[in-house]
Amino acid sequence: MSDTDPSMEQPVELAVHWRRLVNDWVTRQHRPFEADASSVGLEFEHPEAERRIQLGFTTTSTEMLLIMVTDDRYLENDQLARAAAAATAWNIEQLAPTLSICNLAGEQPPYLMGFRTLPLACQVTRTAFRVMADQWLDESRALFTWCHQECRL
């Protein structure tokens, strides 16, 4: 479909069209991406934080579109308390994306993840989704810049 297709400017149900909206936004980023039956992900260089960030989209059962962002680093054991304090501070001051420490009990080391959600029950236009996705990417960059520069994570 072309960028000027008026039918795409009609609000569409996110539950039915989330993958098409995500793929449209990802394609406009001109970056390689990975997609499988349940998710779409892509990676961005982020020199301000001296790392790469990965942005992923998936759904939780049938209720939410989950937008997740991680960086390319695992946390060391001596960073966990600082990471927990950073998550608390970020979540109080910024609210979004929510910052969390993931994989505390997993086989891999823990890592930081930011996430946002969007109800699958909502309707959205392609343009509105693009604007939100651009905002999520900007917020992700700000989050990991802050983690690196302010918290030394």
C-alpha atoms as a PDB file:
ATOM      1  CA  MET A   1       0.000   0.000   0.000  1.00  0.00           C
ATOM      2  CA  SER A   2       1.176   3.479  -0.684  1.00  0.00           C
ATOM      3  CA  ASP A   3       1.765   6.095   1.977  1.00  0.00           C
ATOM      4  CA  THR A   4      -1.231   8.023   0.679  1.00  0.00           C
ATOM      5  CA  ASP A   5      -3.751   5.183   0.949  1.00  0.00           C
ATOM      6  CA  PRO A   6      -6.736   6.902   2.577  1.00  0.00           C
ATOM      7  CA  SER A   7      -8.075   3.625   3.974  1.00  0.00           C
ATOM      8  CA  MET A   8      -5.058   3.430   6.299  1.00  0.00           C
ATOM      9  CA  GLU A   9      -5.985   6.797   7.795  1.00  0.00           C
ATOM     10  CA  GLN A  10      -9.202   5.325   9.063  1.00  0.00           C
ATOM     11  CA  PRO A  11      -8.817   4.052  12.619  1.00  0.00           C
ATOM     12  CA  VAL A  12      -8.232   0.298  12.687  1.00  0.00           C
ATOM     13  CA  GLU A  13      -8.580  -2.137  15.545  1.00  0.00           C
ATOM     14  CA  LEU A  14      -5.188  -2.650  17.121  1.00  0.00           C
ATOM     15  CA  ALA A  15      -6.052  -6.245  18.081  1.00  0.00           C
ATOM     16  CA  VAL A  16      -6.498  -7.155  14.416  1.00  0.00           C
ATOM     17  CA  HIS A  17      -3.931  -4.872  12.747  1.00  0.00           C
ATOM     18  CA  TRP A  18      -1.068  -4.407  15.249  1.00  0.00           C
ATOM     19  CA  ARG A  19       1.403  -6.419  13.171  1.00  0.00           C
ATOM     20  CA  ARG A  20       0.623  -4.437  10.014  1.00  0.00           C
ATOM     21  CA  LEU A  21       1.022  -1.144  11.890  1.00  0.00           C
ATOM     22  CA  VAL A  22       4.312  -2.271  13.481  1.00  0.00           C
ATOM     23  CA  ASN A  23       5.664  -3.601  10.174  1.00  0.00           C
ATOM     24  CA  ASP A  24       4.777  -0.306   8.487  1.00  0.00           C
ATOM     25  CA  TRP A  25       6.687   1.674  11.124  1.00  0.00           C
ATOM     26  CA  VAL A  26       9.636  -0.745  11.152  1.00  0.00           C
ATOM     27  CA  THR A  27       9.931  -0.627   7.356  1.00  0.00           C
ATOM     28  CA  ARG A  28      10.162   3.176   7.499  1.00  0.00           C
ATOM     29  CA  GLN A  29      13.143   2.870   9.870  1.00  0.00           C
ATOM     30  CA  HIS A  30      15.233   1.301   7.064  1.00  0.00           C
ATOM     31  CA  ARG A  31      16.800  -1.159   9.505  1.00  0.00           C
ATOM     32  CA  PRO A  32      16.941  -4.914   9.523  1.00  0.00           C
ATOM     33  CA  PHE A  33      14.349  -6.476  11.765  1.00  0.00           C
ATOM     34  CA  GLU A  34      13.328  -9.883  13.012  1.00  0.00           C
ATOM     35  CA  ALA A  35       9.782 -11.137  13.021  1.00  0.00           C
ATOM     36  CA  ASP A  36       8.182 -14.384  14.045  1.00  0.00           C
ATOM     37  CA  ALA A  37       4.634 -15.550  14.691  1.00  0.00           C
ATOM     38  CA  SER A  38       4.275 -13.490  17.863  1.00  0.00           C
ATOM     39  CA  SER A  39       6.754 -10.599  17.775  1.00  0.00           C
ATOM     40  CA  VAL A  40       8.663  -8.013  15.772  1.00  0.00           C
ATOM     41  CA  GLY A  41      12.016  -6.616  16.898  1.00  0.00           C
ATOM     42  CA  LEU A  42      14.719  -4.293  15.648  1.00  0.00           C
ATOM     43  CA  GLU A  43      17.990  -2.846  16.881  1.00  0.00           C
ATOM     44  CA  PHE A  44      19.289   0.734  16.928  1.00  0.00           C
ATOM     45  CA  GLU A  45      22.736   2.124  17.593  1.00  0.00           C
ATOM     46  CA  HIS A  46      22.695   4.501  20.531  1.00  0.00           C
ATOM     47  CA  PRO A  47      26.088   6.234  20.742  1.00  0.00           C
ATOM     48  CA  GLU A  48      25.056   8.661  23.515  1.00  0.00           C
ATOM     49  CA  ALA A  49      24.757   5.703  25.855  1.00  0.00           C
ATOM     50  CA  GLU A  50      27.592   3.740  24.228  1.00  0.00           C
ATOM     51  CA  ARG A  51      25.329   0.813  23.401  1.00  0.00           C
ATOM     52  CA  ARG A  52      22.695  -0.598  21.109  1.00  0.00           C
ATOM     53  CA  ILE A  53      19.054  -0.746  22.052  1.00  0.00           C
ATOM     54  CA  GLN A  54      16.589  -3.384  20.946  1.00  0.00           C
ATOM     55  CA  LEU A  55      12.945  -2.445  20.536  1.00  0.00           C
ATOM     56  CA  GLY A  56      10.403  -5.262  20.446  1.00  0.00           C
ATOM     57  CA  PHE A  57       6.659  -5.509  19.923  1.00  0.00           C
ATOM     58  CA  THR A  58       4.465  -8.406  21.005  1.00  0.00           C
ATOM     59  CA  THR A  59       1.053  -9.016  22.534  1.00  0.00           C
ATOM     60  CA  THR A  60       0.057 -10.282  25.951  1.00  0.00           C
ATOM     61  CA  SER A  61      -2.703 -12.843  25.496  1.00  0.00           C
ATOM     62  CA  THR A  62      -5.478 -10.779  23.927  1.00  0.00           C
ATOM     63  CA  GLU A  63      -5.388  -7.573  25.953  1.00  0.00           C
ATOM     64  CA  MET A  64      -2.239  -5.486  25.384  1.00  0.00           C
ATOM     65  CA  LEU A  65       0.368  -4.600  22.809  1.00  0.00           C
ATOM     66  CA  LEU A  66       3.643  -4.725  24.716  1.00  0.00           C
ATOM     67  CA  ILE A  67       6.509  -2.504  23.578  1.00  0.00           C
ATOM     68  CA  MET A  68       9.796  -3.584  25.178  1.00  0.00           C
ATOM     69  CA  VAL A  69      13.229  -2.011  25.019  1.00  0.00           C
ATOM     70  CA  THR A  70      16.523  -3.392  26.265  1.00  0.00           C
ATOM     71  CA  ASP A  71      20.139  -2.471  25.786  1.00  0.00           C
ATOM     72  CA  ASP A  72      22.996  -4.768  24.886  1.00  0.00           C
ATOM     73  CA  ARG A  73      24.270  -5.257  28.433  1.00  0.00           C
ATOM     74  CA  TYR A  74      23.676  -7.584  31.336  1.00  0.00           C
ATOM     75  CA  LEU A  75      23.889  -6.336  34.902  1.00  0.00           C
ATOM     76  CA  GLU A  76      26.664  -7.456  37.207  1.00  0.00           C
ATOM     77  CA  ASN A  77      25.753  -8.559  40.740  1.00  0.00           C
ATOM     78  CA  ASP A  78      27.283  -5.389  42.184  1.00  0.00           C
ATOM     79  CA  GLN A  79      24.991  -3.284  39.928  1.00  0.00           C
ATOM     80  CA  LEU A  80      21.667  -4.769  41.059  1.00  0.00           C
ATOM     81  CA  ALA A  81      21.034  -2.393  43.973  1.00  0.00           C
ATOM     82  CA  ARG A  82      21.923   0.622  41.820  1.00  0.00           C
ATOM     83  CA  ALA A  83      19.689  -0.688  39.032  1.00  0.00           C
ATOM     84  CA  ALA A  84      16.788  -1.151  41.463  1.00  0.00           C
ATOM     85  CA  ALA A  85      17.260   2.397  42.766  1.00  0.00           C
ATOM     86  CA  ALA A  86      17.473   3.697  39.195  1.00  0.00           C
ATOM     87  CA  ALA A  87      14.260   1.903  38.240  1.00  0.00           C
ATOM     88  CA  THR A  88      12.454   3.381  41.233  1.00  0.00           C
ATOM     89  CA  ALA A  89      13.731   6.893  40.520  1.00  0.00           C
ATOM     90  CA  TRP A  90      12.925   6.708  36.786  1.00  0.00           C
ATOM     91  CA  ASN A  91       9.441   5.307  37.374  1.00  0.00           C
ATOM     92  CA  ILE A  92       8.616   8.046  39.895  1.00  0.00           C
ATOM     93  CA  GLU A  93      10.029  10.913  37.826  1.00  0.00           C
ATOM     94  CA  GLN A  94       9.274   9.865  34.252  1.00  0.00           C
ATOM     95  CA  LEU A  95       6.485   7.277  34.502  1.00  0.00           C
ATOM     96  CA  ALA A  96       7.094   6.009  30.965  1.00  0.00           C
ATOM     97  CA  PRO A  97       8.524   3.839  29.762  1.00  0.00           C
ATOM     98  CA  THR A  98       8.395   1.788  32.934  1.00  0.00           C
ATOM     99  CA  LEU A  99      11.892   0.600  33.872  1.00  0.00           C
ATOM    100  CA  SER A 100      12.357  -2.849  35.349  1.00  0.00           C
ATOM    101  CA  ILE A 101      15.101  -5.323  36.161  1.00  0.00           C
ATOM    102  CA  CYS A 102      14.351  -8.547  34.326  1.00  0.00           C
ATOM    103  CA  ASN A 103      15.552 -12.112  34.611  1.00  0.00           C
ATOM    104  CA  LEU A 104      16.547 -12.010  38.285  1.00  0.00           C
ATOM    105  CA  ALA A 105      15.995 -15.743  38.672  1.00  0.00           C
ATOM    106  CA  GLY A 106      16.769 -16.836  35.126  1.00  0.00           C
ATOM    107  CA  GLU A 107      19.680 -18.720  33.649  1.00  0.00           C
ATOM    108  CA  GLN A 108      20.963 -15.580  31.898  1.00  0.00           C
ATOM    109  CA  PRO A 109      22.177 -12.610  33.968  1.00  0.00           C
ATOM    110  CA  PRO A 110      19.646  -9.875  34.810  1.00  0.00           C
ATOM    111  CA  TYR A 111      19.204  -6.870  32.546  1.00  0.00           C
ATOM    112  CA  LEU A 112      17.282  -3.605  32.360  1.00  0.00           C
ATOM    113  CA  MET A 113      14.094  -3.388  30.316  1.00  0.00           C
ATOM    114  CA  GLY A 114      11.766  -0.502  29.639  1.00  0.00           C
ATOM    115  CA  PHE A 115       8.232  -1.203  28.570  1.00  0.00           C
ATOM    116  CA  ARG A 116       5.022   0.454  27.518  1.00  0.00           C
ATOM    117  CA  THR A 117       1.626  -0.995  26.801  1.00  0.00           C
ATOM    118  CA  LEU A 118      -1.243  -0.098  24.549  1.00  0.00           C
ATOM    119  CA  PRO A 119      -4.674  -1.751  24.879  1.00  0.00           C
ATOM    120  CA  LEU A 120      -5.467  -4.002  21.937  1.00  0.00           C
ATOM    121  CA  ALA A 121      -9.083  -2.870  22.267  1.00  0.00           C
ATOM    122  CA  CYS A 122      -8.213   0.624  21.000  1.00  0.00           C
ATOM    123  CA  GLN A 123      -8.415   1.898  17.457  1.00  0.00           C
ATOM    124  CA  VAL A 124      -5.612   3.874  15.865  1.00  0.00           C
ATOM    125  CA  THR A 125      -4.680   5.325  12.483  1.00  0.00           C
ATOM    126  CA  ARG A 126      -1.412   4.455  10.787  1.00  0.00           C
ATOM    127  CA  THR A 127      -0.183   8.039  11.216  1.00  0.00           C
ATOM    128  CA  ALA A 128      -1.030   8.068  14.923  1.00  0.00           C
ATOM    129  CA  PHE A 129       0.731   4.736  15.397  1.00  0.00           C
ATOM    130  CA  ARG A 130       3.834   6.037  13.613  1.00  0.00           C
ATOM    131  CA  VAL A 131       3.897   9.097  15.865  1.00  0.00           C
ATOM    132  CA  MET A 132       3.559   6.935  18.985  1.00  0.00           C
ATOM    133  CA  ALA A 133       6.262   4.506  17.821  1.00  0.00           C
ATOM    134  CA  ASP A 134       8.638   7.411  17.101  1.00  0.00           C
ATOM    135  CA  GLN A 135       7.911   8.684  20.609  1.00  0.00           C
ATOM    136  CA  TRP A 136       8.590   5.227  22.096  1.00  0.00           C
ATOM    137  CA  LEU A 137      11.947   5.140  20.333  1.00  0.00           C
ATOM    138  CA  ASP A 138      12.844   8.633  21.585  1.00  0.00           C
ATOM    139  CA  GLU A 139      11.801   7.665  25.133  1.00  0.00           C
ATOM    140  CA  SER A 140      13.903   4.513  24.897  1.00  0.00           C
ATOM    141  CA  ARG A 141      16.953   6.504  23.903  1.00  0.00           C
ATOM    142  CA  ALA A 142      16.354   8.938  26.783  1.00  0.00           C
ATOM    143  CA  LEU A 143      15.901   6.057  29.226  1.00  0.00           C
ATOM    144  CA  PHE A 144      19.178   4.334  28.392  1.00  0.00           C
ATOM    145  CA  THR A 145      21.086   7.603  28.112  1.00  0.00           C
ATOM    146  CA  TRP A 146      19.906   8.414  31.645  1.00  0.00           C
ATOM    147  CA  CYS A 147      20.781   4.912  32.905  1.00  0.00           C
ATOM    148  CA  HIS A 148      24.279   5.192  31.458  1.00  0.00           C
ATOM    149  CA  GLN A 149      25.116   8.812  32.244  1.00  0.00           C
ATOM    150  CA  GLU A 150      23.332   9.344  35.557  1.00  0.00           C
ATOM    151  CA  CYS A 151      23.401   5.873  37.087  1.00  0.00           C
ATOM    152  CA  ARG A 152      26.536   4.395  35.518  1.00  0.00           C
ATOM    153  CA  LEU A 153      24.616   1.326  34.352  1.00  0.00           C
END
